[in-house]
């Protein structure tokens, strides 16, 4: 789990959640959600697994939303689109109704 200024700004509460495709039910990413409330966006620095998405935060070629690939399920369903949040962090804006979330109880990562 990452502990930084964003976690402290949201009350110090975080949990690891699984984000899956609503169409086919497959697991897409593991994400560390900070604070309470609904999930509207996924910051790339909070994606824990799989490596395909978790290593995007370290790619020097990705500086703008246009450089970031969309969040796509194996079935072809687009779950989220790239964006830059007001604080400058790159994120995926999630499409309502195209994803489902569940709490990751054992904190194991997705292996793809």
C-alpha atoms as a PDB file:
ATOM      1  CA  UNK A   1       0.000   0.000   0.000  1.00  0.00           C
ATOM      2  CA  UNK A   2       1.220   3.464  -0.848  1.00  0.00           C
ATOM      3  CA  UNK A   3       1.392   6.026   1.919  1.00  0.00           C
ATOM      4  CA  UNK A   4       1.800   9.568   0.650  1.00  0.00           C
ATOM      5  CA  UNK A   5       0.271  13.040   0.848  1.00  0.00           C
ATOM      6  CA  UNK A   6      -2.830  11.977  -1.104  1.00  0.00           C
ATOM      7  CA  UNK A   7      -3.646   9.242   1.412  1.00  0.00           C
ATOM      8  CA  UNK A   8      -3.190  11.619   4.354  1.00  0.00           C
ATOM      9  CA  UNK A   9      -5.318  14.294   2.650  1.00  0.00           C
ATOM     10  CA  UNK A  10      -8.240  11.862   2.439  1.00  0.00           C
ATOM     11  CA  UNK A  11      -8.277  10.910   6.106  1.00  0.00           C
ATOM     12  CA  UNK A  12      -5.681   8.128   6.071  1.00  0.00           C
ATOM     13  CA  UNK A  13      -8.165   5.417   5.045  1.00  0.00           C
ATOM     14  CA  UNK A  14      -7.431   3.249   2.064  1.00  0.00           C
ATOM     15  CA  UNK A  15      -8.400  -0.151   0.751  1.00  0.00           C
ATOM     16  CA  UNK A  16      -7.475  -2.349  -2.147  1.00  0.00           C
ATOM     17  CA  UNK A  17     -10.335  -2.981  -4.566  1.00  0.00           C
ATOM     18  CA  UNK A  18     -10.776  -5.148  -7.624  1.00  0.00           C
ATOM     19  CA  UNK A  19     -12.172  -3.466 -10.720  1.00  0.00           C
ATOM     20  CA  UNK A  20     -13.770  -5.770 -13.250  1.00  0.00           C
ATOM     21  CA  UNK A  21     -15.723  -5.597 -16.480  1.00  0.00           C
ATOM     22  CA  UNK A  22     -19.495  -5.445 -16.070  1.00  0.00           C
ATOM     23  CA  UNK A  23     -20.017  -7.059 -19.492  1.00  0.00           C
ATOM     24  CA  UNK A  24     -17.923 -10.223 -19.156  1.00  0.00           C
ATOM     25  CA  UNK A  25     -17.037 -10.247 -15.443  1.00  0.00           C
ATOM     26  CA  UNK A  26     -13.263 -10.517 -15.874  1.00  0.00           C
ATOM     27  CA  UNK A  27     -10.919  -8.774 -13.470  1.00  0.00           C
ATOM     28  CA  UNK A  28      -9.104  -5.797 -15.009  1.00  0.00           C
ATOM     29  CA  UNK A  29      -7.038  -4.081 -12.298  1.00  0.00           C
ATOM     30  CA  UNK A  30      -6.321  -3.940  -8.572  1.00  0.00           C
ATOM     31  CA  UNK A  31      -6.554  -0.375  -7.321  1.00  0.00           C
ATOM     32  CA  UNK A  32      -5.779   1.362  -4.030  1.00  0.00           C
ATOM     33  CA  UNK A  33      -8.707   3.623  -3.222  1.00  0.00           C
ATOM     34  CA  UNK A  34      -8.125   6.357  -0.683  1.00  0.00           C
ATOM     35  CA  UNK A  35     -10.929   7.934   1.310  1.00  0.00           C
ATOM     36  CA  UNK A  36     -14.645   7.304   1.222  1.00  0.00           C
ATOM     37  CA  UNK A  37     -17.161   7.737  -1.564  1.00  0.00           C
ATOM     38  CA  UNK A  38     -17.780   6.454  -5.049  1.00  0.00           C
ATOM     39  CA  UNK A  39     -15.050   5.574  -7.503  1.00  0.00           C
ATOM     40  CA  UNK A  40     -15.086   8.117 -10.346  1.00  0.00           C
ATOM     41  CA  UNK A  41     -11.499   7.927 -11.544  1.00  0.00           C
ATOM     42  CA  UNK A  42      -8.414   5.750 -11.155  1.00  0.00           C
ATOM     43  CA  UNK A  43      -5.074   7.509 -10.805  1.00  0.00           C
ATOM     44  CA  UNK A  44      -2.280   5.640 -12.550  1.00  0.00           C
ATOM     45  CA  UNK A  45      -0.033   5.931  -9.502  1.00  0.00           C
ATOM     46  CA  UNK A  46      -2.598   3.928  -7.471  1.00  0.00           C
ATOM     47  CA  UNK A  47      -2.936   0.964  -9.844  1.00  0.00           C
ATOM     48  CA  UNK A  48      -1.301  -2.037  -8.172  1.00  0.00           C
ATOM     49  CA  UNK A  49      -1.707  -4.790 -10.783  1.00  0.00           C
ATOM     50  CA  UNK A  50      -1.405  -6.072 -13.513  1.00  0.00           C
ATOM     51  CA  UNK A  51       1.989  -4.865 -14.687  1.00  0.00           C
ATOM     52  CA  UNK A  52       0.531  -3.710 -17.994  1.00  0.00           C
ATOM     53  CA  UNK A  53      -1.158  -0.819 -16.164  1.00  0.00           C
ATOM     54  CA  UNK A  54       0.905  -0.499 -12.973  1.00  0.00           C
ATOM     55  CA  UNK A  55       4.150   0.284 -14.801  1.00  0.00           C
ATOM     56  CA  UNK A  56       2.563   3.157 -16.762  1.00  0.00           C
ATOM     57  CA  UNK A  57       3.402   5.545 -13.915  1.00  0.00           C
ATOM     58  CA  UNK A  58       7.124   4.967 -14.516  1.00  0.00           C
ATOM     59  CA  UNK A  59       7.027   5.394 -18.320  1.00  0.00           C
ATOM     60  CA  UNK A  60       8.813   8.669 -19.223  1.00  0.00           C
ATOM     61  CA  UNK A  61       6.981   8.831 -22.571  1.00  0.00           C
ATOM     62  CA  UNK A  62       3.617   9.321 -20.843  1.00  0.00           C
ATOM     63  CA  UNK A  63       3.199  12.985 -19.931  1.00  0.00           C
ATOM     64  CA  UNK A  64      -0.219  13.878 -21.316  1.00  0.00           C
ATOM     65  CA  UNK A  65      -3.591  12.107 -21.425  1.00  0.00           C
ATOM     66  CA  UNK A  66      -3.187  11.468 -25.154  1.00  0.00           C
ATOM     67  CA  UNK A  67      -0.089   9.348 -24.402  1.00  0.00           C
ATOM     68  CA  UNK A  68      -2.014   7.090 -22.001  1.00  0.00           C
ATOM     69  CA  UNK A  69      -3.847   4.087 -23.514  1.00  0.00           C
ATOM     70  CA  UNK A  70      -7.511   3.593 -22.625  1.00  0.00           C
ATOM     71  CA  UNK A  71      -8.474   1.145 -19.884  1.00  0.00           C
ATOM     72  CA  UNK A  72      -9.813  -1.765 -21.933  1.00  0.00           C
ATOM     73  CA  UNK A  73     -11.083  -5.208 -20.934  1.00  0.00           C
ATOM     74  CA  UNK A  74     -10.017  -8.378 -22.760  1.00  0.00           C
ATOM     75  CA  UNK A  75     -13.513  -8.545 -24.297  1.00  0.00           C
ATOM     76  CA  UNK A  76     -12.938  -5.153 -25.954  1.00  0.00           C
ATOM     77  CA  UNK A  77     -15.137  -3.073 -23.643  1.00  0.00           C
ATOM     78  CA  UNK A  78     -13.631   0.355 -22.894  1.00  0.00           C
ATOM     79  CA  UNK A  79     -13.900   0.878 -19.130  1.00  0.00           C
ATOM     80  CA  UNK A  80     -12.080   4.206 -18.769  1.00  0.00           C
ATOM     81  CA  UNK A  81     -10.613   7.077 -20.740  1.00  0.00           C
ATOM     82  CA  UNK A  82      -7.421   8.965 -20.006  1.00  0.00           C
ATOM     83  CA  UNK A  83      -7.559  12.361 -18.338  1.00  0.00           C
ATOM     84  CA  UNK A  84      -5.455  14.769 -16.305  1.00  0.00           C
ATOM     85  CA  UNK A  85      -6.919  15.684 -12.925  1.00  0.00           C
ATOM     86  CA  UNK A  86      -6.781  19.260 -11.630  1.00  0.00           C
ATOM     87  CA  UNK A  87      -3.750  18.500  -9.441  1.00  0.00           C
ATOM     88  CA  UNK A  88      -1.793  17.338 -12.518  1.00  0.00           C
ATOM     89  CA  UNK A  89      -1.981  13.569 -11.984  1.00  0.00           C
ATOM     90  CA  UNK A  90      -2.885  11.318 -14.894  1.00  0.00           C
ATOM     91  CA  UNK A  91      -5.952   9.167 -14.342  1.00  0.00           C
ATOM     92  CA  UNK A  92      -8.634   7.081 -15.995  1.00  0.00           C
ATOM     93  CA  UNK A  93     -12.144   8.548 -15.958  1.00  0.00           C
ATOM     94  CA  UNK A  94     -14.355   5.508 -15.468  1.00  0.00           C
ATOM     95  CA  UNK A  95     -17.518   5.038 -17.506  1.00  0.00           C
ATOM     96  CA  UNK A  96     -20.466   4.516 -15.199  1.00  0.00           C
ATOM     97  CA  UNK A  97     -22.107   1.117 -15.641  1.00  0.00           C
ATOM     98  CA  UNK A  98     -19.181  -0.439 -17.520  1.00  0.00           C
ATOM     99  CA  UNK A  99     -17.261  -1.622 -14.464  1.00  0.00           C
ATOM    100  CA  UNK A 100     -17.936  -3.328 -11.176  1.00  0.00           C
ATOM    101  CA  UNK A 101     -15.914  -3.119  -7.980  1.00  0.00           C
ATOM    102  CA  UNK A 102     -15.315  -5.426  -5.085  1.00  0.00           C
ATOM    103  CA  UNK A 103     -13.123  -5.312  -2.041  1.00  0.00           C
ATOM    104  CA  UNK A 104      -9.932  -7.327  -2.340  1.00  0.00           C
ATOM    105  CA  UNK A 105     -10.044  -9.210   0.962  1.00  0.00           C
ATOM    106  CA  UNK A 106      -6.733 -11.037   0.697  1.00  0.00           C
ATOM    107  CA  UNK A 107      -4.715  -8.270  -0.997  1.00  0.00           C
ATOM    108  CA  UNK A 108      -3.524 -10.513  -3.789  1.00  0.00           C
ATOM    109  CA  UNK A 109      -2.735  -8.913  -7.106  1.00  0.00           C
ATOM    110  CA  UNK A 110      -4.129  -9.726 -10.527  1.00  0.00           C
ATOM    111  CA  UNK A 111      -1.835 -11.954 -12.571  1.00  0.00           C
ATOM    112  CA  UNK A 112      -2.129 -11.320 -16.321  1.00  0.00           C
END
